[in-house]
PDB file of N, CA and C in Angstrom:
ATOM      1  N   MET A   1     100.426  73.680 102.282  1.00  0.00           N
ATOM      2  CA  MET A   1      99.912  74.440 100.829  1.00  0.00           C
ATOM      3  C   MET A   1     100.738  75.836 100.771  1.00  0.00           C
ATOM      4  N   GLU A   2     100.951  75.629  99.138  1.00  0.00           N
ATOM      5  CA  GLU A   2     102.260  76.408  98.866  1.00  0.00           C
ATOM      6  C   GLU A   2     101.254  77.933  98.307  1.00  0.00           C
ATOM      7  N   ILE A   3     101.986  79.162  99.069  1.00  0.00           N
ATOM      8  CA  ILE A   3     101.089  80.712  98.624  1.00  0.00           C
ATOM      9  C   ILE A   3     101.746  80.763  97.657  1.00  0.00           C
ATOM     10  N   PRO A   4     100.322  81.077  96.664  1.00  0.00           N
ATOM     11  CA  PRO A   4     100.950  81.530  94.726  1.00  0.00           C
ATOM     12  C   PRO A   4     101.806  82.843  95.158  1.00  0.00           C
ATOM     13  N   LYS A   5     102.553  82.613  94.231  1.00  0.00           N
ATOM     14  CA  LYS A   5     103.141  83.670  93.826  1.00  0.00           C
ATOM     15  C   LYS A   5     102.588  84.821  93.225  1.00  0.00           C
ATOM     16  N   ARG A   6     102.823  86.310  93.313  1.00  0.00           N
ATOM     17  CA  ARG A   6     102.061  87.363  92.753  1.00  0.00           C
ATOM     18  C   ARG A   6     102.799  87.284  91.216  1.00  0.00           C
ATOM     19  N   TYR A   7     102.229  88.359  90.427  1.00  0.00           N
ATOM     20  CA  TYR A   7     102.877  88.241  88.911  1.00  0.00           C
ATOM     21  C   TYR A   7     104.119  88.878  88.862  1.00  0.00           C
ATOM     22  N   SER A   8     104.173  89.873  89.660  1.00  0.00           N
ATOM     23  CA  SER A   8     105.514  91.158  89.548  1.00  0.00           C
ATOM     24  C   SER A   8     106.440  89.850  90.396  1.00  0.00           C
ATOM     25  N   ASP A   9     106.330  88.989  90.542  1.00  0.00           N
ATOM     26  CA  ASP A   9     107.526  88.123  90.878  1.00  0.00           C
ATOM     27  C   ASP A   9     108.114  87.253  90.430  1.00  0.00           C
ATOM     28  N   LEU A  10     107.139  86.916  89.572  1.00  0.00           N
ATOM     29  CA  LEU A  10     107.316  85.710  88.590  1.00  0.00           C
ATOM     30  C   LEU A  10     108.615  86.038  87.219  1.00  0.00           C
ATOM     31  N   THR A  11     109.211  85.000  86.431  1.00  0.00           N
ATOM     32  CA  THR A  11     110.214  85.279  85.542  1.00  0.00           C
ATOM     33  C   THR A  11     109.089  85.142  84.327  1.00  0.00           C
ATOM     34  N   LYS A  12     109.992  85.220  83.256  1.00  0.00           N
ATOM     35  CA  LYS A  12     109.227  85.670  82.271  1.00  0.00           C
ATOM     36  C   LYS A  12     108.616  83.969  81.710  1.00  0.00           C
ATOM     37  N   ASP A  13     109.241  83.075  81.999  1.00  0.00           N
ATOM     38  CA  ASP A  13     109.405  81.498  81.938  1.00  0.00           C
ATOM     39  C   ASP A  13     108.147  81.398  82.791  1.00  0.00           C
ATOM     40  N   GLU A  14     107.788  81.401  83.680  1.00  0.00           N
ATOM     41  CA  GLU A  14     106.644  81.222  84.662  1.00  0.00           C
ATOM     42  C   GLU A  14     105.442  82.117  84.449  1.00  0.00           C
ATOM     43  N   LEU A  15     105.993  83.418  83.761  1.00  0.00           N
ATOM     44  CA  LEU A  15     104.727  84.246  83.330  1.00  0.00           C
ATOM     45  C   LEU A  15     104.218  83.283  82.201  1.00  0.00           C
ATOM     46  N   VAL A  16     104.829  82.680  80.888  1.00  0.00           N
ATOM     47  CA  VAL A  16     104.430  82.019  79.726  1.00  0.00           C
ATOM     48  C   VAL A  16     103.638  80.776  80.300  1.00  0.00           C
ATOM     49  N   GLN A  17     104.179  80.475  80.891  1.00  0.00           N
ATOM     50  CA  GLN A  17     103.432  79.257  81.511  1.00  0.00           C
ATOM     51  C   GLN A  17     102.503  79.699  82.113  1.00  0.00           C
ATOM     52  N   GLU A  18     101.982  80.829  83.049  1.00  0.00           N
ATOM     53  CA  GLU A  18     100.983  81.167  83.792  1.00  0.00           C
ATOM     54  C   GLU A  18      99.719  81.244  81.908  1.00  0.00           C
ATOM     55  N   ILE A  19     100.281  81.961  81.630  1.00  0.00           N
ATOM     56  CA  ILE A  19      99.267  82.354  80.600  1.00  0.00           C
ATOM     57  C   ILE A  19      98.591  81.428  80.192  1.00  0.00           C
ATOM     58  N   SER A  20      99.715  79.952  79.593  1.00  0.00           N
ATOM     59  CA  SER A  20      99.089  78.866  78.675  1.00  0.00           C
ATOM     60  C   SER A  20      97.662  78.362  79.750  1.00  0.00           C
ATOM     61  N   ASN A  21      98.534  77.986  80.729  1.00  0.00           N
ATOM     62  CA  ASN A  21      97.655  77.446  81.890  1.00  0.00           C
ATOM     63  C   ASN A  21      95.946  78.327  81.915  1.00  0.00           C
ATOM     64  N   LEU A  22      96.341  79.794  81.746  1.00  0.00           N
ATOM     65  CA  LEU A  22      95.169  80.424  81.670  1.00  0.00           C
ATOM     66  C   LEU A  22      94.133  80.363  80.349  1.00  0.00           C
ATOM     67  N   ASN A  23      94.787  80.044  79.319  1.00  0.00           N
ATOM     68  CA  ASN A  23      94.598  79.670  78.203  1.00  0.00           C
ATOM     69  C   ASN A  23      93.595  78.543  78.067  1.00  0.00           C
ATOM     70  N   HIS A  24      94.057  77.697  78.813  1.00  0.00           N
ATOM     71  CA  HIS A  24      93.419  76.347  79.290  1.00  0.00           C
ATOM     72  C   HIS A  24      92.320  76.362  80.035  1.00  0.00           C
ATOM     73  N   GLN A  25      92.541  77.282  81.042  1.00  0.00           N
ATOM     74  CA  GLN A  25      91.104  77.068  82.051  1.00  0.00           C
ATOM     75  C   GLN A  25      90.025  77.886  81.125  1.00  0.00           C
ATOM     76  N   ALA A  26      90.626  78.832  80.503  1.00  0.00           N
ATOM     77  CA  ALA A  26      89.207  80.093  79.309  1.00  0.00           C
ATOM     78  C   ALA A  26      88.365  79.240  78.918  1.00  0.00           C
ATOM     79  N   ARG A  27      89.717  77.969  78.283  1.00  0.00           N
ATOM     80  CA  ARG A  27      88.692  77.176  76.903  1.00  0.00           C
ATOM     81  C   ARG A  27      87.502  76.957  77.866  1.00  0.00           C
ATOM     82  N   LYS A  28      87.965  75.531  79.096  1.00  0.00           N
ATOM     83  CA  LYS A  28      87.257  75.090  79.973  1.00  0.00           C
ATOM     84  C   LYS A  28      86.022  75.762  80.428  1.00  0.00           C
ATOM     85  N   ALA A  29      86.184  77.095  80.895  1.00  0.00           N
ATOM     86  CA  ALA A  29      85.051  77.967  81.616  1.00  0.00           C
ATOM     87  C   ALA A  29      83.977  78.450  79.904  1.00  0.00           C
ATOM     88  N   GLU A  30      84.603  78.746  79.177  1.00  0.00           N
ATOM     89  CA  GLU A  30      83.649  78.793  77.793  1.00  0.00           C
ATOM     90  C   GLU A  30      82.322  77.501  77.476  1.00  0.00           C
ATOM     91  N   GLN A  31      83.579  76.610  77.442  1.00  0.00           N
ATOM     92  CA  GLN A  31      82.777  75.129  77.262  1.00  0.00           C
ATOM     93  C   GLN A  31      81.858  75.151  78.262  1.00  0.00           C
ATOM     94  N   MET A  32      81.818  75.182  79.330  1.00  0.00           N
ATOM     95  CA  MET A  32      81.083  75.252  80.357  1.00  0.00           C
ATOM     96  C   MET A  32      79.898  76.270  80.512  1.00  0.00           C
ATOM     97  N   ASP A  33      79.809  77.257  79.955  1.00  0.00           N
ATOM     98  CA  ASP A  33      79.061  78.585  79.563  1.00  0.00           C
ATOM     99  C   ASP A  33      79.183  79.298  81.012  1.00  0.00           C
ATOM    100  N   MET A  34      80.215  78.886  81.470  1.00  0.00           N
ATOM    101  CA  MET A  34      80.809  80.135  82.796  1.00  0.00           C
ATOM    102  C   MET A  34      81.390  81.497  82.480  1.00  0.00           C
ATOM    103  N   ILE A  35      80.432  82.145  82.271  1.00  0.00           N
ATOM    104  CA  ILE A  35      80.617  83.218  81.754  1.00  0.00           C
ATOM    105  C   ILE A  35      81.245  84.374  82.698  1.00  0.00           C
ATOM    106  N   ASN A  36      81.253  84.224  83.748  1.00  0.00           N
ATOM    107  CA  ASN A  36      81.459  85.366  84.982  1.00  0.00           C
ATOM    108  C   ASN A  36      83.356  84.871  85.155  1.00  0.00           C
ATOM    109  N   GLU A  37      83.098  82.785  85.556  1.00  0.00           N
ATOM    110  CA  GLU A  37      84.208  82.485  85.823  1.00  0.00           C
ATOM    111  C   GLU A  37      85.454  83.178  84.523  1.00  0.00           C
ATOM    112  N   LEU A  38      84.952  82.796  83.501  1.00  0.00           N
ATOM    113  CA  LEU A  38      85.692  83.192  81.844  1.00  0.00           C
ATOM    114  C   LEU A  38      86.285  84.689  81.874  1.00  0.00           C
ATOM    115  N   GLU A  39      85.345  85.249  82.928  1.00  0.00           N
ATOM    116  CA  GLU A  39      86.174  87.110  82.007  1.00  0.00           C
ATOM    117  C   GLU A  39      86.925  87.441  83.449  1.00  0.00           C
ATOM    118  N   VAL A  40      86.712  86.621  85.045  1.00  0.00           N
ATOM    119  CA  VAL A  40      88.245  86.751  85.839  1.00  0.00           C
ATOM    120  C   VAL A  40      89.417  85.969  85.075  1.00  0.00           C
ATOM    121  N   ILE A  41      89.232  84.940  84.456  1.00  0.00           N
ATOM    122  CA  ILE A  41      90.181  84.409  83.867  1.00  0.00           C
ATOM    123  C   ILE A  41      91.044  85.161  82.869  1.00  0.00           C
ATOM    124  N   LEU A  42      90.099  86.083  81.844  1.00  0.00           N
ATOM    125  CA  LEU A  42      90.762  86.596  80.840  1.00  0.00           C
ATOM    126  C   LEU A  42      91.066  87.971  81.556  1.00  0.00           C
ATOM    127  N   ARG A  43      90.960  88.097  82.760  1.00  0.00           N
ATOM    128  CA  ARG A  43      91.380  89.580  83.310  1.00  0.00           C
ATOM    129  C   ARG A  43      93.058  89.178  83.694  1.00  0.00           C
ATOM    130  N   LYS A  44      92.835  87.789  84.533  1.00  0.00           N
ATOM    131  CA  LYS A  44      94.462  87.228  84.741  1.00  0.00           C
ATOM    132  C   LYS A  44      95.387  87.034  84.412  1.00  0.00           C
ATOM    133  N   LYS A  45      94.667  86.756  82.782  1.00  0.00           N
ATOM    134  CA  LYS A  45      95.549  86.753  81.357  1.00  0.00           C
ATOM    135  C   LYS A  45      96.359  87.955  81.060  1.00  0.00           C
ATOM    136  N   THR A  46      95.097  88.767  81.378  1.00  0.00           N
ATOM    137  CA  THR A  46      95.384  89.816  80.507  1.00  0.00           C
ATOM    138  C   THR A  46      96.873  91.304  82.072  1.00  0.00           C
ATOM    139  N   MET A  47      96.402  90.680  82.776  1.00  0.00           N
ATOM    140  CA  MET A  47      97.266  90.859  83.871  1.00  0.00           C
ATOM    141  C   MET A  47      98.912  90.379  84.043  1.00  0.00           C
ATOM    142  N   ALA A  48      98.557  89.111  83.789  1.00  0.00           N
ATOM    143  CA  ALA A  48     100.319  88.298  83.243  1.00  0.00           C
ATOM    144  C   ALA A  48     100.931  88.644  82.066  1.00  0.00           C
ATOM    145  N   GLN A  49      99.876  89.002  80.958  1.00  0.00           N
ATOM    146  CA  GLN A  49     100.546  89.445  79.716  1.00  0.00           C
ATOM    147  C   GLN A  49     101.355  90.991  80.083  1.00  0.00           C
ATOM    148  N   SER A  50     100.765  92.048  80.888  1.00  0.00           N
ATOM    149  CA  SER A  50     100.871  92.854  81.101  1.00  0.00           C
ATOM    150  C   SER A  50     102.582  92.864  81.732  1.00  0.00           C
ATOM    151  N   TYR A  51     102.818  91.895  82.236  1.00  0.00           N
ATOM    152  CA  TYR A  51     104.228  91.686  83.084  1.00  0.00           C
ATOM    153  C   TYR A  51     105.336  91.376  82.370  1.00  0.00           C
ATOM    154  N   LEU A  52     105.124  90.754  81.052  1.00  0.00           N
ATOM    155  CA  LEU A  52     105.831  90.380  80.324  1.00  0.00           C
ATOM    156  C   LEU A  52     106.221  91.621  78.952  1.00  0.00           C
ATOM    157  N   LEU A  53     105.713  92.954  79.226  1.00  0.00           N
ATOM    158  CA  LEU A  53     105.857  93.728  78.682  1.00  0.00           C
ATOM    159  C   LEU A  53     106.507  94.959  79.060  1.00  0.00           C
ATOM    160  N   ASP A  54     107.200  96.042  78.716  1.00  0.00           N
ATOM    161  CA  ASP A  54     108.555  96.753  78.887  1.00  0.00           C
ATOM    162  C   ASP A  54     107.587  97.982  79.348  1.00  0.00           C
ATOM    163  N   ALA A  55     107.157  98.446  80.333  1.00  0.00           N
ATOM    164  CA  ALA A  55     106.262  99.351  80.924  1.00  0.00           C
ATOM    165  C   ALA A  55     107.287 101.321  80.609  1.00  0.00           C
ATOM    166  N   SER A  56     107.952 100.415  80.551  1.00  0.00           N
ATOM    167  CA  SER A  56     108.614 102.214  79.910  1.00  0.00           C
ATOM    168  C   SER A  56     108.722 102.185  78.815  1.00  0.00           C
ATOM    169  N   GLN A  57     108.096 101.608  77.949  1.00  0.00           N
ATOM    170  CA  GLN A  57     108.106 102.012  76.609  1.00  0.00           C
ATOM    171  C   GLN A  57     106.365 102.524  76.318  1.00  0.00           C
ATOM    172  N   PHE A  58     105.827 102.792  77.335  1.00  0.00           N
ATOM    173  CA  PHE A  58     104.045 103.175  77.616  1.00  0.00           C
ATOM    174  C   PHE A  58     104.542 104.837  78.279  1.00  0.00           C
ATOM    175  N   ILE A  59     104.629 105.858  77.501  1.00  0.00           N
ATOM    176  CA  ILE A  59     104.998 107.110  77.576  1.00  0.00           C
ATOM    177  C   ILE A  59     103.383 108.076  77.798  1.00  0.00           C
ATOM    178  N   PRO A  60     103.711 108.673  79.155  1.00  0.00           N
ATOM    179  CA  PRO A  60     102.671 109.553  79.667  1.00  0.00           C
ATOM    180  C   PRO A  60     102.895 110.869  78.612  1.00  0.00           C
ATOM    181  N   GLY A  61     101.656 111.418  78.363  1.00  0.00           N
ATOM    182  CA  GLY A  61     101.522 112.082  77.055  1.00  0.00           C
ATOM    183  C   GLY A  61     101.130 111.949  75.770  1.00  0.00           C
ATOM    184  N   GLU A  62     101.424 110.773  75.499  1.00  0.00           N
ATOM    185  CA  GLU A  62     101.097 110.063  74.302  1.00  0.00           C
ATOM    186  C   GLU A  62      99.702 109.289  74.427  1.00  0.00           C
ATOM    187  N   GLN A  63      99.637 109.016  73.049  1.00  0.00           N
ATOM    188  CA  GLN A  63      98.059 108.070  72.997  1.00  0.00           C
ATOM    189  C   GLN A  63      98.197 107.031  72.450  1.00  0.00           C
ATOM    190  N   TYR A  64      97.358 106.267  72.972  1.00  0.00           N
ATOM    191  CA  TYR A  64      97.195 104.581  72.931  1.00  0.00           C
ATOM    192  C   TYR A  64      95.780 104.228  72.453  1.00  0.00           C
ATOM    193  N   GLU A  65      95.805 102.936  71.508  1.00  0.00           N
ATOM    194  CA  GLU A  65      94.741 102.294  70.900  1.00  0.00           C
ATOM    195  C   GLU A  65      94.096 101.094  71.915  1.00  0.00           C
ATOM    196  N   LEU A  66      92.825 101.523  72.334  1.00  0.00           N
ATOM    197  CA  LEU A  66      92.346 100.723  73.357  1.00  0.00           C
ATOM    198  C   LEU A  66      92.365  99.027  72.672  1.00  0.00           C
ATOM    199  N   ILE A  67      92.543  97.910  72.985  1.00  0.00           N
ATOM    200  CA  ILE A  67      92.555  96.698  72.165  1.00  0.00           C
ATOM    201  C   ILE A  67      91.399  96.443  72.298  1.00  0.00           C
ATOM    202  N   GLU A  68      90.381  96.289  73.373  1.00  0.00           N
ATOM    203  CA  GLU A  68      89.308  96.314  73.421  1.00  0.00           C
ATOM    204  C   GLU A  68      88.344  97.067  72.363  1.00  0.00           C
ATOM    205  N   GLU A  69      88.598  98.472  72.074  1.00  0.00           N
ATOM    206  CA  GLU A  69      87.464  99.534  71.976  1.00  0.00           C
ATOM    207  C   GLU A  69      88.189  99.819  70.534  1.00  0.00           C
ATOM    208  N   PRO A  70      88.201  99.126  69.550  1.00  0.00           N
ATOM    209  CA  PRO A  70      89.088 100.036  68.210  1.00  0.00           C
ATOM    210  C   PRO A  70      88.668 101.118  68.070  1.00  0.00           C
ATOM    211  N   GLY A  71      89.707 102.206  67.406  1.00  0.00           N
ATOM    212  CA  GLY A  71      89.087 103.447  67.380  1.00  0.00           C
ATOM    213  C   GLY A  71      89.210 104.272  68.216  1.00  0.00           C
ATOM    214  N   VAL A  72      88.875 103.812  69.672  1.00  0.00           N
ATOM    215  CA  VAL A  72      89.315 104.612  70.903  1.00  0.00           C
ATOM    216  C   VAL A  72      90.781 104.835  71.644  1.00  0.00           C
ATOM    217  N   LEU A  73      90.934 105.912  71.552  1.00  0.00           N
ATOM    218  CA  LEU A  73      92.502 106.406  72.166  1.00  0.00           C
ATOM    219  C   LEU A  73      92.403 106.717  73.455  1.00  0.00           C
ATOM    220  N   PHE A  74      93.476 106.333  74.367  1.00  0.00           N
ATOM    221  CA  PHE A  74      93.861 106.672  75.687  1.00  0.00           C
ATOM    222  C   PHE A  74      94.973 107.415  75.841  1.00  0.00           C
ATOM    223  N   MET A  75      95.058 108.521  76.246  1.00  0.00           N
ATOM    224  CA  MET A  75      95.919 109.553  76.864  1.00  0.00           C
ATOM    225  C   MET A  75      96.503 108.774  78.174  1.00  0.00           C
ATOM    226  N   ILE A  76      97.552 108.384  78.546  1.00  0.00           N
ATOM    227  CA  ILE A  76      98.461 108.082  79.167  1.00  0.00           C
ATOM    228  C   ILE A  76      98.847 109.611  80.315  1.00  0.00           C
ATOM    229  N   THR A  77      98.261 109.553  81.155  1.00  0.00           N
ATOM    230  CA  THR A  77      98.846 111.085  82.155  1.00  0.00           C
ATOM    231  C   THR A  77      99.989 111.012  83.253  1.00  0.00           C
ATOM    232  N   TYR A  78      99.667 109.309  83.534  1.00  0.00           N
ATOM    233  CA  TYR A  78     100.945 108.691  84.559  1.00  0.00           C
ATOM    234  C   TYR A  78     100.859 107.315  84.412  1.00  0.00           C
ATOM    235  N   MET A  79     101.846 106.944  84.378  1.00  0.00           N
ATOM    236  CA  MET A  79     102.443 105.293  84.733  1.00  0.00           C
ATOM    237  C   MET A  79     102.404 105.189  86.255  1.00  0.00           C
ATOM    238  N   ASN A  80     102.022 103.515  86.180  1.00  0.00           N
ATOM    239  CA  ASN A  80     101.743 102.604  88.164  1.00  0.00           C
ATOM    240  C   ASN A  80     101.827 101.718  87.641  1.00  0.00           C
ATOM    241  N   GLY A  81     103.582 101.077  88.185  1.00  0.00           N
ATOM    242  CA  GLY A  81     103.792  99.666  87.859  1.00  0.00           C
ATOM    243  C   GLY A  81     103.449  99.684  86.508  1.00  0.00           C
ATOM    244  N   ILE A  82     102.267  98.194  85.932  1.00  0.00           N
ATOM    245  CA  ILE A  82     102.113  98.213  84.933  1.00  0.00           C
ATOM    246  C   ILE A  82     100.702  98.408  84.252  1.00  0.00           C
ATOM    247  N   PHE A  83      99.891  99.745  85.317  1.00  0.00           N
ATOM    248  CA  PHE A  83      98.810 100.239  84.998  1.00  0.00           C
ATOM    249  C   PHE A  83      99.040 101.424  83.828  1.00  0.00           C
ATOM    250  N   ALA A  84      98.479 102.195  83.359  1.00  0.00           N
ATOM    251  CA  ALA A  84      98.564 103.326  82.733  1.00  0.00           C
ATOM    252  C   ALA A  84      97.318 104.295  83.237  1.00  0.00           C
ATOM    253  N   TRP A  85      98.114 105.005  83.673  1.00  0.00           N
ATOM    254  CA  TRP A  85      96.495 105.855  84.211  1.00  0.00           C
ATOM    255  C   TRP A  85      96.187 107.476  83.257  1.00  0.00           C
ATOM    256  N   GLY A  86      94.958 107.822  82.871  1.00  0.00           N
ATOM    257  CA  GLY A  86      94.986 108.565  82.183  1.00  0.00           C
ATOM    258  C   GLY A  86      93.015 108.662  82.059  1.00  0.00           C
ATOM    259  N   HIS A  87      92.748 109.183  80.739  1.00  0.00           N
ATOM    260  CA  HIS A  87      91.459 108.911  80.055  1.00  0.00           C
ATOM    261  C   HIS A  87      91.080 108.606  78.967  1.00  0.00           C
ATOM    262  N   LYS A  88      90.001 107.836  78.092  1.00  0.00           N
ATOM    263  CA  LYS A  88      89.817 107.657  76.798  1.00  0.00           C
ATOM    264  C   LYS A  88      89.160 109.050  76.226  1.00  0.00           C
ATOM    265  N   SER A  89      89.291 108.927  75.017  1.00  0.00           N
ATOM    266  CA  SER A  89      89.066 110.197  74.085  1.00  0.00           C
ATOM    267  C   SER A  89      87.442 110.204  74.395  1.00  0.00           C
ATOM    268  N   THR A  90      86.812 109.176  74.699  1.00  0.00           N
ATOM    269  CA  THR A  90      85.700 109.419  74.732  1.00  0.00           C
ATOM    270  C   THR A  90      84.929 110.044  76.202  1.00  0.00           C
ATOM    271  N   SER A  91      85.953 110.556  77.349  1.00  0.00           N
ATOM    272  CA  SER A  91      85.773 110.515  78.856  1.00  0.00           C
ATOM    273  C   SER A  91      86.728 111.077  78.989  1.00  0.00           C
ATOM    274  N   GLU A  92      86.335 112.035  80.227  1.00  0.00           N
ATOM    275  CA  GLU A  92      87.726 112.531  81.180  1.00  0.00           C
ATOM    276  C   GLU A  92      87.883 111.603  82.280  1.00  0.00           C
ATOM    277  N   GLU A  93      86.886 110.697  82.533  1.00  0.00           N
ATOM    278  CA  GLU A  93      87.114 109.962  84.006  1.00  0.00           C
ATOM    279  C   GLU A  93      88.324 109.282  83.952  1.00  0.00           C
ATOM    280  N   GLU A  94      89.248 109.617  84.896  1.00  0.00           N
ATOM    281  CA  GLU A  94      90.607 109.232  84.652  1.00  0.00           C
ATOM    282  C   GLU A  94      90.186 107.516  85.475  1.00  0.00           C
ATOM    283  N   ILE A  95      91.207 106.691  84.678  1.00  0.00           N
ATOM    284  CA  ILE A  95      90.964 105.100  84.760  1.00  0.00           C
ATOM    285  C   ILE A  95      92.284 104.309  84.537  1.00  0.00           C
ATOM    286  N   GLY A  96      92.611 103.594  85.320  1.00  0.00           N
ATOM    287  CA  GLY A  96      93.925 102.665  84.967  1.00  0.00           C
ATOM    288  C   GLY A  96      93.618 101.707  84.277  1.00  0.00           C
ATOM    289  N   ILE A  97      94.591 101.188  83.462  1.00  0.00           N
ATOM    290  CA  ILE A  97      94.259 100.460  82.191  1.00  0.00           C
ATOM    291  C   ILE A  97      95.738  99.270  82.498  1.00  0.00           C
ATOM    292  N   PRO A  98      95.595  98.295  82.594  1.00  0.00           N
ATOM    293  CA  PRO A  98      96.681  97.120  82.267  1.00  0.00           C
ATOM    294  C   PRO A  98      97.437  97.635  80.689  1.00  0.00           C
ATOM    295  N   ILE A  99      99.051  97.404  80.700  1.00  0.00           N
ATOM    296  CA  ILE A  99      99.449  98.046  79.156  1.00  0.00           C
ATOM    297  C   ILE A  99      99.113  96.975  78.524  1.00  0.00           C
ATOM    298  N   ALA A 100      98.693  95.981  78.900  1.00  0.00           N
ATOM    299  CA  ALA A 100      98.612  94.661  77.791  1.00  0.00           C
ATOM    300  C   ALA A 100      97.150  95.088  76.980  1.00  0.00           C
ATOM    301  N   LEU A 101      96.809  95.908  77.352  1.00  0.00           N
ATOM    302  CA  LEU A 101      95.208  96.670  76.560  1.00  0.00           C
ATOM    303  C   LEU A 101      95.330  97.890  75.582  1.00  0.00           C
ATOM    304  N   LEU A 102      96.902  98.004  75.580  1.00  0.00           N
ATOM    305  CA  LEU A 102      97.149  99.103  74.962  1.00  0.00           C
ATOM    306  C   LEU A 102      98.059  99.201  73.940  1.00  0.00           C
ATOM    307  N   LYS A 103      98.077  99.669  72.828  1.00  0.00           N
ATOM    308  CA  LYS A 103      99.033  99.242  71.540  1.00  0.00           C
ATOM    309  C   LYS A 103      98.910 101.330  70.764  1.00  0.00           C
ATOM    310  N   LYS A 104      99.713 100.657  70.095  1.00  0.00           N
ATOM    311  CA  LYS A 104     100.259 101.754  69.939  1.00  0.00           C
ATOM    312  C   LYS A 104      99.283 102.451  68.177  1.00  0.00           C
ATOM    313  N   PRO A 105      98.511 103.367  68.222  1.00  0.00           N
ATOM    314  CA  PRO A 105      97.582 103.679  67.059  1.00  0.00           C
ATOM    315  C   PRO A 105      98.241 103.290  65.905  1.00  0.00           C
ATOM    316  N   GLY A 106      97.567 102.426  65.422  1.00  0.00           N
ATOM    317  CA  GLY A 106      97.952 102.334  63.177  1.00  0.00           C
ATOM    318  C   GLY A 106      98.611 100.560  63.255  1.00  0.00           C
ATOM    319  N   LYS A 107      98.735 100.518  64.935  1.00  0.00           N
ATOM    320  CA  LYS A 107      99.780  98.664  64.748  1.00  0.00           C
ATOM    321  C   LYS A 107      98.792  97.692  65.039  1.00  0.00           C
TER     322      LYS A 107
END
């Protein structure tokens, strides 16, 4: 049995293929009304998408809009790999968010 590779070890092409596979799995889970399974698959997809992005483009001290919460801004305090750590404009609680869930405001 082959040990699955971590997303951080995959090439860009392998990540693109993994995202395609996850899209297929997500459609099947949705058709079968497997909501919990769908959520897990979508989180895996977000992680894979994050590895396709350049983490150096996400700057501590800058604000980004949360893709899943339009209008809510996220202030990055520091970066750790593909995770931006900071807080939402609606909370002071520090959280880590995969960078695929962030975008520049107004884009």
